[in-house]
Amino acid sequence: MNDNKKPQEEIKEYAEGWITERKGTDVPAFLKFAYIFIIGGCLIYLIVFMNGEVNHSERGVLVRAFNAVSQSSPGLMYAIAIIGLVYFVILIGFVFRKFHED
């Protein structure tokens, strides 16, 4: 027999075997930090472009005209950004907590 093979009980399967991982493994560090950059970028984008791209050389006039007609609500957009920030804080707390096997 080959002694290099791991016993089958050390492998966890998800989605009927489409995803497998070894028991006791943690999420890679680069993926944990990817959460920070992705969600942080989304929140920054939401705040910077909350009223559209009003300073664009070609579309800016149309965006400003649409904003004047549609009466956008900056308060609502900031509330959505705050909800996103709360989600971000909860997710980062969840991602960086100590790993434990279920």
PDB file of N, CA and C in Angstrom:
ATOM      1  N   MET A   1       0.829  -1.191   0.000  1.00  0.00           N
ATOM      2  CA  MET A   1       0.000   0.000   0.000  1.00  0.00           C
ATOM      3  C   MET A   1       0.865   1.242   0.000  1.00  0.00           C
ATOM      4  N   ASN A   2       0.330   2.281  -0.527  1.00  0.00           N
ATOM      5  CA  ASN A   2       1.025   3.554  -0.568  1.00  0.00           C
ATOM      6  C   ASN A   2       0.735   4.321   0.719  1.00  0.00           C
ATOM      7  N   ASP A   3       1.771   4.696   1.481  1.00  0.00           N
ATOM      8  CA  ASP A   3       1.594   5.391   2.757  1.00  0.00           C
ATOM      9  C   ASP A   3       1.418   6.898   2.586  1.00  0.00           C
ATOM     10  N   ASN A   4       1.596   7.404   1.362  1.00  0.00           N
ATOM     11  CA  ASN A   4       1.487   8.836   1.128  1.00  0.00           C
ATOM     12  C   ASN A   4       0.044   9.305   1.030  1.00  0.00           C
ATOM     13  N   LYS A   5      -0.895   8.420   0.813  1.00  0.00           N
ATOM     14  CA  LYS A   5      -2.297   8.818   0.680  1.00  0.00           C
ATOM     15  C   LYS A   5      -2.901   9.157   2.038  1.00  0.00           C
ATOM     16  N   LYS A   6      -3.703  10.180   2.048  1.00  0.00           N
ATOM     17  CA  LYS A   6      -4.412  10.571   3.266  1.00  0.00           C
ATOM     18  C   LYS A   6      -5.658   9.700   3.400  1.00  0.00           C
ATOM     19  N   PRO A   7      -6.026   9.370   4.629  1.00  0.00           N
ATOM     20  CA  PRO A   7      -7.280   8.622   4.803  1.00  0.00           C
ATOM     21  C   PRO A   7      -8.468   9.434   4.307  1.00  0.00           C
ATOM     22  N   GLN A   8      -9.483   8.748   3.824  1.00  0.00           N
ATOM     23  CA  GLN A   8     -10.649   9.393   3.224  1.00  0.00           C
ATOM     24  C   GLN A   8     -11.413  10.255   4.230  1.00  0.00           C
ATOM     25  N   GLU A   9     -11.372   9.913   5.535  1.00  0.00           N
ATOM     26  CA  GLU A   9     -12.159  10.674   6.498  1.00  0.00           C
ATOM     27  C   GLU A   9     -11.582  12.071   6.760  1.00  0.00           C
ATOM     28  N   GLU A  10     -10.380  12.384   6.281  1.00  0.00           N
ATOM     29  CA  GLU A  10      -9.817  13.707   6.463  1.00  0.00           C
ATOM     30  C   GLU A  10     -10.252  14.687   5.366  1.00  0.00           C
ATOM     31  N   ILE A  11     -11.010  14.232   4.393  1.00  0.00           N
ATOM     32  CA  ILE A  11     -11.463  15.084   3.298  1.00  0.00           C
ATOM     33  C   ILE A  11     -12.959  15.359   3.477  1.00  0.00           C
ATOM     34  N   LYS A  12     -13.317  16.665   3.462  1.00  0.00           N
ATOM     35  CA  LYS A  12     -14.730  17.044   3.526  1.00  0.00           C
ATOM     36  C   LYS A  12     -15.203  17.346   2.113  1.00  0.00           C
ATOM     37  N   GLU A  13     -16.416  16.945   1.803  1.00  0.00           N
ATOM     38  CA  GLU A  13     -16.988  17.198   0.483  1.00  0.00           C
ATOM     39  C   GLU A  13     -18.222  18.080   0.622  1.00  0.00           C
ATOM     40  N   TYR A  14     -18.337  19.006  -0.317  1.00  0.00           N
ATOM     41  CA  TYR A  14     -19.505  19.874  -0.415  1.00  0.00           C
ATOM     42  C   TYR A  14     -20.067  19.731  -1.815  1.00  0.00           C
ATOM     43  N   ALA A  15     -21.342  20.011  -1.966  1.00  0.00           N
ATOM     44  CA  ALA A  15     -22.014  20.003  -3.264  1.00  0.00           C
ATOM     45  C   ALA A  15     -21.813  18.665  -3.971  1.00  0.00           C
ATOM     46  N   GLU A  16     -22.055  17.608  -3.250  1.00  0.00           N
ATOM     47  CA  GLU A  16     -21.970  16.243  -3.768  1.00  0.00           C
ATOM     48  C   GLU A  16     -20.618  15.938  -4.413  1.00  0.00           C
ATOM     49  N   GLY A  17     -19.533  16.419  -3.776  1.00  0.00           N
ATOM     50  CA  GLY A  17     -18.192  16.108  -4.242  1.00  0.00           C
ATOM     51  C   GLY A  17     -17.587  17.102  -5.207  1.00  0.00           C
ATOM     52  N   TRP A  18     -18.319  18.148  -5.585  1.00  0.00           N
ATOM     53  CA  TRP A  18     -17.768  19.147  -6.505  1.00  0.00           C
ATOM     54  C   TRP A  18     -16.701  19.998  -5.824  1.00  0.00           C
ATOM     55  N   ILE A  19     -16.825  20.176  -4.514  1.00  0.00           N
ATOM     56  CA  ILE A  19     -15.858  20.942  -3.736  1.00  0.00           C
ATOM     57  C   ILE A  19     -15.348  20.043  -2.619  1.00  0.00           C
ATOM     58  N   THR A  20     -14.038  19.931  -2.509  1.00  0.00           N
ATOM     59  CA  THR A  20     -13.443  19.130  -1.439  1.00  0.00           C
ATOM     60  C   THR A  20     -12.380  19.965  -0.739  1.00  0.00           C
ATOM     61  N   GLU A  21     -12.196  19.684   0.558  1.00  0.00           N
ATOM     62  CA  GLU A  21     -11.137  20.324   1.317  1.00  0.00           C
ATOM     63  C   GLU A  21     -10.728  19.411   2.459  1.00  0.00           C
ATOM     64  N   ARG A  22      -9.534  19.614   2.940  1.00  0.00           N
ATOM     65  CA  ARG A  22      -9.061  18.847   4.087  1.00  0.00           C
ATOM     66  C   ARG A  22      -9.672  19.418   5.349  1.00  0.00           C
ATOM     67  N   LYS A  23      -9.974  18.550   6.290  1.00  0.00           N
ATOM     68  CA  LYS A  23     -10.497  19.007   7.573  1.00  0.00           C
ATOM     69  C   LYS A  23      -9.405  19.773   8.295  1.00  0.00           C
ATOM     70  N   GLY A  24      -9.809  20.840   8.976  1.00  0.00           N
ATOM     71  CA  GLY A  24      -8.872  21.640   9.750  1.00  0.00           C
ATOM     72  C   GLY A  24      -8.173  22.726   8.960  1.00  0.00           C
ATOM     73  N   THR A  25      -8.535  22.924   7.704  1.00  0.00           N
ATOM     74  CA  THR A  25      -7.890  23.985   6.923  1.00  0.00           C
ATOM     75  C   THR A  25      -8.644  25.290   7.098  1.00  0.00           C
ATOM     76  N   ASP A  26      -7.905  26.375   7.093  1.00  0.00           N
ATOM     77  CA  ASP A  26      -8.489  27.709   7.231  1.00  0.00           C
ATOM     78  C   ASP A  26      -8.510  28.387   5.868  1.00  0.00           C
ATOM     79  N   VAL A  27      -9.264  29.455   5.769  1.00  0.00           N
ATOM     80  CA  VAL A  27      -9.319  30.232   4.536  1.00  0.00           C
ATOM     81  C   VAL A  27      -7.950  30.879   4.327  1.00  0.00           C
ATOM     82  N   PRO A  28      -7.419  30.880   3.099  1.00  0.00           N
ATOM     83  CA  PRO A  28      -6.113  31.505   2.859  1.00  0.00           C
ATOM     84  C   PRO A  28      -6.123  32.996   3.199  1.00  0.00           C
ATOM     85  N   ALA A  29      -4.968  33.498   3.638  1.00  0.00           N
ATOM     86  CA  ALA A  29      -4.869  34.899   4.070  1.00  0.00           C
ATOM     87  C   ALA A  29      -5.176  35.872   2.938  1.00  0.00           C
ATOM     88  N   PHE A  30      -4.749  35.558   1.702  1.00  0.00           N
ATOM     89  CA  PHE A  30      -5.026  36.479   0.597  1.00  0.00           C
ATOM     90  C   PHE A  30      -6.520  36.624   0.366  1.00  0.00           C
ATOM     91  N   LEU A  31      -7.293  35.564   0.609  1.00  0.00           N
ATOM     92  CA  LEU A  31      -8.734  35.645   0.425  1.00  0.00           C
ATOM     93  C   LEU A  31      -9.371  36.480   1.536  1.00  0.00           C
ATOM     94  N   LYS A  32      -8.832  36.381   2.742  1.00  0.00           N
ATOM     95  CA  LYS A  32      -9.339  37.212   3.835  1.00  0.00           C
ATOM     96  C   LYS A  32      -9.124  38.690   3.526  1.00  0.00           C
ATOM     97  N   PHE A  33      -7.953  39.029   3.003  1.00  0.00           N
ATOM     98  CA  PHE A  33      -7.685  40.429   2.680  1.00  0.00           C
ATOM     99  C   PHE A  33      -8.425  40.867   1.420  1.00  0.00           C
ATOM    100  N   ALA A  34      -8.793  39.927   0.573  1.00  0.00           N
ATOM    101  CA  ALA A  34      -9.580  40.268  -0.618  1.00  0.00           C
ATOM    102  C   ALA A  34     -10.953  40.802  -0.212  1.00  0.00           C
ATOM    103  N   TYR A  35     -11.515  40.284   0.882  1.00  0.00           N
ATOM    104  CA  TYR A  35     -12.790  40.806   1.368  1.00  0.00           C
ATOM    105  C   TYR A  35     -12.678  42.300   1.659  1.00  0.00           C
ATOM    106  N   ILE A  36     -11.571  42.709   2.285  1.00  0.00           N
ATOM    107  CA  ILE A  36     -11.381  44.108   2.639  1.00  0.00           C
ATOM    108  C   ILE A  36     -11.351  44.977   1.385  1.00  0.00           C
ATOM    109  N   PHE A  37     -10.560  44.572   0.394  1.00  0.00           N
ATOM    110  CA  PHE A  37     -10.423  45.388  -0.809  1.00  0.00           C
ATOM    111  C   PHE A  37     -11.702  45.409  -1.642  1.00  0.00           C
ATOM    112  N   ILE A  38     -12.381  44.291  -1.757  1.00  0.00           N
ATOM    113  CA  ILE A  38     -13.585  44.237  -2.590  1.00  0.00           C
ATOM    114  C   ILE A  38     -14.719  45.045  -1.965  1.00  0.00           C
ATOM    115  N   ILE A  39     -15.015  44.796  -0.698  1.00  0.00           N
ATOM    116  CA  ILE A  39     -16.122  45.508  -0.063  1.00  0.00           C
ATOM    117  C   ILE A  39     -15.767  46.973   0.154  1.00  0.00           C
ATOM    118  N   GLY A  40     -14.512  47.247   0.513  1.00  0.00           N
ATOM    119  CA  GLY A  40     -14.088  48.644   0.649  1.00  0.00           C
ATOM    120  C   GLY A  40     -14.213  49.397  -0.656  1.00  0.00           C
ATOM    121  N   GLY A  41     -13.815  48.770  -1.758  1.00  0.00           N
ATOM    122  CA  GLY A  41     -13.952  49.393  -3.074  1.00  0.00           C
ATOM    123  C   GLY A  41     -15.396  49.641  -3.439  1.00  0.00           C
ATOM    124  N   CYS A  42     -16.261  48.698  -3.102  1.00  0.00           N
ATOM    125  CA  CYS A  42     -17.696  48.875  -3.383  1.00  0.00           C
ATOM    126  C   CYS A  42     -18.273  50.046  -2.597  1.00  0.00           C
ATOM    127  N   LEU A  43     -17.897  50.169  -1.324  1.00  0.00           N
ATOM    128  CA  LEU A  43     -18.415  51.276  -0.518  1.00  0.00           C
ATOM    129  C   LEU A  43     -17.895  52.622  -1.013  1.00  0.00           C
ATOM    130  N   ILE A  44     -16.614  52.672  -1.372  1.00  0.00           N
ATOM    131  CA  ILE A  44     -16.056  53.919  -1.902  1.00  0.00           C
ATOM    132  C   ILE A  44     -16.743  54.294  -3.210  1.00  0.00           C
ATOM    133  N   TYR A  45     -16.939  53.317  -4.083  1.00  0.00           N
ATOM    134  CA  TYR A  45     -17.620  53.570  -5.358  1.00  0.00           C
ATOM    135  C   TYR A  45     -19.041  54.073  -5.119  1.00  0.00           C
ATOM    136  N   LEU A  46     -19.733  53.476  -4.156  1.00  0.00           N
ATOM    137  CA  LEU A  46     -21.105  53.878  -3.850  1.00  0.00           C
ATOM    138  C   LEU A  46     -21.162  55.331  -3.401  1.00  0.00           C
ATOM    139  N   ILE A  47     -20.225  55.733  -2.559  1.00  0.00           N
ATOM    140  CA  ILE A  47     -20.243  57.100  -2.044  1.00  0.00           C
ATOM    141  C   ILE A  47     -19.785  58.105  -3.108  1.00  0.00           C
ATOM    142  N   VAL A  48     -18.719  57.774  -3.850  1.00  0.00           N
ATOM    143  CA  VAL A  48     -18.190  58.716  -4.843  1.00  0.00           C
ATOM    144  C   VAL A  48     -19.188  58.933  -5.984  1.00  0.00           C
ATOM    145  N   PHE A  49     -19.820  57.855  -6.436  1.00  0.00           N
ATOM    146  CA  PHE A  49     -20.737  57.969  -7.579  1.00  0.00           C
ATOM    147  C   PHE A  49     -22.203  57.830  -7.155  1.00  0.00           C
ATOM    148  N   MET A  50     -22.531  58.327  -5.978  1.00  0.00           N
ATOM    149  CA  MET A  50     -23.904  58.171  -5.503  1.00  0.00           C
ATOM    150  C   MET A  50     -24.905  58.944  -6.363  1.00  0.00           C
ATOM    151  N   ASN A  51     -24.486  60.022  -6.972  1.00  0.00           N
ATOM    152  CA  ASN A  51     -25.373  60.790  -7.847  1.00  0.00           C
ATOM    153  C   ASN A  51     -25.059  60.569  -9.313  1.00  0.00           C
ATOM    154  N   GLY A  52     -24.281  59.578  -9.622  1.00  0.00           N
ATOM    155  CA  GLY A  52     -23.896  59.327 -11.001  1.00  0.00           C
ATOM    156  C   GLY A  52     -22.590  60.020 -11.330  1.00  0.00           C
ATOM    157  N   GLU A  53     -22.194  59.893 -12.557  1.00  0.00           N
ATOM    158  CA  GLU A  53     -20.929  60.478 -13.014  1.00  0.00           C
ATOM    159  C   GLU A  53     -21.200  61.887 -13.541  1.00  0.00           C
ATOM    160  N   VAL A  54     -21.438  62.810 -12.621  1.00  0.00           N
ATOM    161  CA  VAL A  54     -21.866  64.159 -12.994  1.00  0.00           C
ATOM    162  C   VAL A  54     -20.752  65.001 -13.599  1.00  0.00           C
ATOM    163  N   ASN A  55     -19.499  64.645 -13.393  1.00  0.00           N
ATOM    164  CA  ASN A  55     -18.379  65.439 -13.912  1.00  0.00           C
ATOM    165  C   ASN A  55     -17.795  64.867 -15.198  1.00  0.00           C
ATOM    166  N   HIS A  56     -18.444  63.892 -15.790  1.00  0.00           N
ATOM    167  CA  HIS A  56     -17.947  63.316 -17.042  1.00  0.00           C
ATOM    168  C   HIS A  56     -18.112  64.340 -18.168  1.00  0.00           C
ATOM    169  N   SER A  57     -17.148  64.374 -19.082  1.00  0.00           N
ATOM    170  CA  SER A  57     -17.167  65.410 -20.131  1.00  0.00           C
ATOM    171  C   SER A  57     -18.332  65.243 -21.100  1.00  0.00           C
ATOM    172  N   GLU A  58     -18.752  64.026 -21.393  1.00  0.00           N
ATOM    173  CA  GLU A  58     -19.841  63.813 -22.358  1.00  0.00           C
ATOM    174  C   GLU A  58     -21.184  63.533 -21.687  1.00  0.00           C
ATOM    175  N   ARG A  59     -21.194  62.638 -20.698  1.00  0.00           N
ATOM    176  CA  ARG A  59     -22.465  62.239 -20.079  1.00  0.00           C
ATOM    177  C   ARG A  59     -22.864  63.095 -18.891  1.00  0.00           C
ATOM    178  N   GLY A  60     -21.976  63.934 -18.404  1.00  0.00           N
ATOM    179  CA  GLY A  60     -22.245  64.702 -17.191  1.00  0.00           C
ATOM    180  C   GLY A  60     -23.479  65.562 -17.270  1.00  0.00           C
ATOM    181  N   VAL A  61     -23.705  66.182 -18.421  1.00  0.00           N
ATOM    182  CA  VAL A  61     -24.881  67.048 -18.603  1.00  0.00           C
ATOM    183  C   VAL A  61     -26.155  66.229 -18.485  1.00  0.00           C
ATOM    184  N   LEU A  62     -26.164  65.051 -19.112  1.00  0.00           N
ATOM    185  CA  LEU A  62     -27.356  64.192 -19.048  1.00  0.00           C
ATOM    186  C   LEU A  62     -27.600  63.662 -17.640  1.00  0.00           C
ATOM    187  N   VAL A  63     -26.537  63.323 -16.955  1.00  0.00           N
ATOM    188  CA  VAL A  63     -26.678  62.808 -15.587  1.00  0.00           C
ATOM    189  C   VAL A  63     -27.207  63.904 -14.676  1.00  0.00           C
ATOM    190  N   ARG A  64     -26.681  65.100 -14.792  1.00  0.00           N
ATOM    191  CA  ARG A  64     -27.181  66.207 -13.967  1.00  0.00           C
ATOM    192  C   ARG A  64     -28.647  66.516 -14.286  1.00  0.00           C
ATOM    193  N   ALA A  65     -29.035  66.447 -15.553  1.00  0.00           N
ATOM    194  CA  ALA A  65     -30.441  66.676 -15.931  1.00  0.00           C
ATOM    195  C   ALA A  65     -31.336  65.586 -15.343  1.00  0.00           C
ATOM    196  N   PHE A  66     -30.880  64.335 -15.401  1.00  0.00           N
ATOM    197  CA  PHE A  66     -31.660  63.241 -14.821  1.00  0.00           C
ATOM    198  C   PHE A  66     -31.789  63.410 -13.309  1.00  0.00           C
ATOM    199  N   ASN A  67     -30.710  63.813 -12.642  1.00  0.00           N
ATOM    200  CA  ASN A  67     -30.766  64.022 -11.188  1.00  0.00           C
ATOM    201  C   ASN A  67     -31.727  65.146 -10.830  1.00  0.00           C
ATOM    202  N   ALA A  68     -31.798  66.184 -11.655  1.00  0.00           N
ATOM    203  CA  ALA A  68     -32.713  67.296 -11.382  1.00  0.00           C
ATOM    204  C   ALA A  68     -34.166  66.856 -11.515  1.00  0.00           C
ATOM    205  N   VAL A  69     -34.433  65.974 -12.470  1.00  0.00           N
ATOM    206  CA  VAL A  69     -35.806  65.515 -12.693  1.00  0.00           C
ATOM    207  C   VAL A  69     -36.214  64.455 -11.677  1.00  0.00           C
ATOM    208  N   SER A  70     -35.303  63.564 -11.335  1.00  0.00           N
ATOM    209  CA  SER A  70     -35.671  62.413 -10.505  1.00  0.00           C
ATOM    210  C   SER A  70     -35.629  62.691  -9.013  1.00  0.00           C
ATOM    211  N   GLN A  71     -35.071  63.826  -8.607  1.00  0.00           N
ATOM    212  CA  GLN A  71     -35.014  64.180  -7.184  1.00  0.00           C
ATOM    213  C   GLN A  71     -34.386  63.051  -6.353  1.00  0.00           C
ATOM    214  N   SER A  72     -33.127  62.748  -6.616  1.00  0.00           N
ATOM    215  CA  SER A  72     -32.433  61.692  -5.868  1.00  0.00           C
ATOM    216  C   SER A  72     -32.264  62.103  -4.412  1.00  0.00           C
ATOM    217  N   SER A  73     -32.114  61.114  -3.563  1.00  0.00           N
ATOM    218  CA  SER A  73     -32.045  61.343  -2.128  1.00  0.00           C
ATOM    219  C   SER A  73     -30.663  60.977  -1.594  1.00  0.00           C
ATOM    220  N   PRO A  74     -29.830  61.965  -1.307  1.00  0.00           N
ATOM    221  CA  PRO A  74     -28.515  61.655  -0.743  1.00  0.00           C
ATOM    222  C   PRO A  74     -28.621  60.975   0.629  1.00  0.00           C
ATOM    223  N   GLY A  75     -29.640  61.327   1.404  1.00  0.00           N
ATOM    224  CA  GLY A  75     -29.820  60.691   2.715  1.00  0.00           C
ATOM    225  C   GLY A  75     -30.027  59.199   2.596  1.00  0.00           C
ATOM    226  N   LEU A  76     -30.811  58.781   1.610  1.00  0.00           N
ATOM    227  CA  LEU A  76     -31.033  57.352   1.388  1.00  0.00           C
ATOM    228  C   LEU A  76     -29.737  56.660   0.973  1.00  0.00           C
ATOM    229  N   MET A  77     -28.971  57.309   0.112  1.00  0.00           N
ATOM    230  CA  MET A  77     -27.714  56.710  -0.335  1.00  0.00           C
ATOM    231  C   MET A  77     -26.718  56.587   0.812  1.00  0.00           C
ATOM    232  N   TYR A  78     -26.652  57.596   1.679  1.00  0.00           N
ATOM    233  CA  TYR A  78     -25.773  57.494   2.852  1.00  0.00           C
ATOM    234  C   TYR A  78     -26.256  56.410   3.810  1.00  0.00           C
ATOM    235  N   ALA A  79     -27.575  56.243   3.946  1.00  0.00           N
ATOM    236  CA  ALA A  79     -28.114  55.172   4.790  1.00  0.00           C
ATOM    237  C   ALA A  79     -27.724  53.810   4.231  1.00  0.00           C
ATOM    238  N   ILE A  80     -27.785  53.659   2.918  1.00  0.00           N
ATOM    239  CA  ILE A  80     -27.372  52.403   2.297  1.00  0.00           C
ATOM    240  C   ILE A  80     -25.875  52.182   2.500  1.00  0.00           C
ATOM    241  N   ALA A  81     -25.077  53.239   2.403  1.00  0.00           N
ATOM    242  CA  ALA A  81     -23.636  53.128   2.645  1.00  0.00           C
ATOM    243  C   ALA A  81     -23.348  52.727   4.089  1.00  0.00           C
ATOM    244  N   ILE A  82     -24.124  53.247   5.034  1.00  0.00           N
ATOM    245  CA  ILE A  82     -23.944  52.878   6.441  1.00  0.00           C
ATOM    246  C   ILE A  82     -24.306  51.415   6.659  1.00  0.00           C
ATOM    247  N   ILE A  83     -25.374  50.949   6.017  1.00  0.00           N
ATOM    248  CA  ILE A  83     -25.733  49.530   6.100  1.00  0.00           C
ATOM    249  C   ILE A  83     -24.607  48.677   5.527  1.00  0.00           C
ATOM    250  N   GLY A  84     -24.027  49.119   4.407  1.00  0.00           N
ATOM    251  CA  GLY A  84     -22.891  48.409   3.829  1.00  0.00           C
ATOM    252  C   GLY A  84     -21.692  48.407   4.758  1.00  0.00           C
ATOM    253  N   LEU A  85     -21.449  49.516   5.447  1.00  0.00           N
ATOM    254  CA  LEU A  85     -20.336  49.598   6.395  1.00  0.00           C
ATOM    255  C   LEU A  85     -20.552  48.664   7.584  1.00  0.00           C
ATOM    256  N   VAL A  86     -21.768  48.581   8.074  1.00  0.00           N
ATOM    257  CA  VAL A  86     -22.077  47.646   9.166  1.00  0.00           C
ATOM    258  C   VAL A  86     -21.837  46.208   8.705  1.00  0.00           C
ATOM    259  N   TYR A  87     -22.273  45.882   7.488  1.00  0.00           N
ATOM    260  CA  TYR A  87     -22.017  44.555   6.927  1.00  0.00           C
ATOM    261  C   TYR A  87     -20.520  44.303   6.823  1.00  0.00           C
ATOM    262  N   PHE A  88     -19.771  45.309   6.382  1.00  0.00           N
ATOM    263  CA  PHE A  88     -18.327  45.201   6.239  1.00  0.00           C
ATOM    264  C   PHE A  88     -17.675  44.886   7.583  1.00  0.00           C
ATOM    265  N   VAL A  89     -18.053  45.590   8.633  1.00  0.00           N
ATOM    266  CA  VAL A  89     -17.471  45.378   9.955  1.00  0.00           C
ATOM    267  C   VAL A  89     -17.810  43.976  10.476  1.00  0.00           C
ATOM    268  N   ILE A  90     -19.045  43.539  10.302  1.00  0.00           N
ATOM    269  CA  ILE A  90     -19.446  42.205  10.750  1.00  0.00           C
ATOM    270  C   ILE A  90     -18.688  41.137   9.962  1.00  0.00           C
ATOM    271  N   LEU A  91     -18.576  41.314   8.656  1.00  0.00           N
ATOM    272  CA  LEU A  91     -17.862  40.341   7.828  1.00  0.00           C
ATOM    273  C   LEU A  91     -16.396  40.250   8.201  1.00  0.00           C
ATOM    274  N   ILE A  92     -15.735  41.380   8.421  1.00  0.00           N
ATOM    275  CA  ILE A  92     -14.319  41.361   8.791  1.00  0.00           C
ATOM    276  C   ILE A  92     -14.140  40.698  10.150  1.00  0.00           C
ATOM    277  N   GLY A  93     -15.042  40.949  11.082  1.00  0.00           N
ATOM    278  CA  GLY A  93     -14.981  40.255  12.373  1.00  0.00           C
ATOM    279  C   GLY A  93     -15.147  38.759  12.218  1.00  0.00           C
ATOM    280  N   PHE A  94     -16.027  38.349  11.335  1.00  0.00           N
ATOM    281  CA  PHE A  94     -16.245  36.926  11.081  1.00  0.00           C
ATOM    282  C   PHE A  94     -15.043  36.298  10.383  1.00  0.00           C
ATOM    283  N   VAL A  95     -14.467  36.993   9.432  1.00  0.00           N
ATOM    284  CA  VAL A  95     -13.362  36.441   8.643  1.00  0.00           C
ATOM    285  C   VAL A  95     -12.101  36.277   9.478  1.00  0.00           C
ATOM    286  N   PHE A  96     -11.801  37.238  10.337  1.00  0.00           N
ATOM    287  CA  PHE A  96     -10.543  37.210  11.072  1.00  0.00           C
ATOM    288  C   PHE A  96     -10.661  36.602  12.471  1.00  0.00           C
ATOM    289  N   ARG A  97     -11.787  36.005  12.799  1.00  0.00           N
ATOM    290  CA  ARG A  97     -11.858  35.336  14.101  1.00  0.00           C
ATOM    291  C   ARG A  97     -11.104  34.017  14.038  1.00  0.00           C
ATOM    292  N   LYS A  98     -10.862  33.452  15.199  1.00  0.00           N
ATOM    293  CA  LYS A  98     -10.106  32.212  15.281  1.00  0.00           C
ATOM    294  C   LYS A  98     -10.868  31.077  14.607  1.00  0.00           C
ATOM    295  N   PHE A  99     -10.145  30.306  13.835  1.00  0.00           N
ATOM    296  CA  PHE A  99     -10.734  29.186  13.093  1.00  0.00           C
ATOM    297  C   PHE A  99     -11.077  28.047  14.050  1.00  0.00           C
ATOM    298  N   HIS A 100     -12.255  27.443  13.861  1.00  0.00           N
ATOM    299  CA  HIS A 100     -12.613  26.237  14.597  1.00  0.00           C
ATOM    300  C   HIS A 100     -13.385  25.311  13.676  1.00  0.00           C
ATOM    301  N   GLU A 101     -13.144  24.040  13.822  1.00  0.00           N
ATOM    302  CA  GLU A 101     -13.779  23.024  12.974  1.00  0.00           C
ATOM    303  C   GLU A 101     -15.167  22.722  13.513  1.00  0.00           C
ATOM    304  N   ASP A 102     -16.165  22.714  12.649  1.00  0.00           N
ATOM    305  CA  ASP A 102     -17.535  22.376  13.076  1.00  0.00           C
ATOM    306  C   ASP A 102     -17.721  20.883  13.155  1.00  0.00           C
TER     307      ASP A 102
END
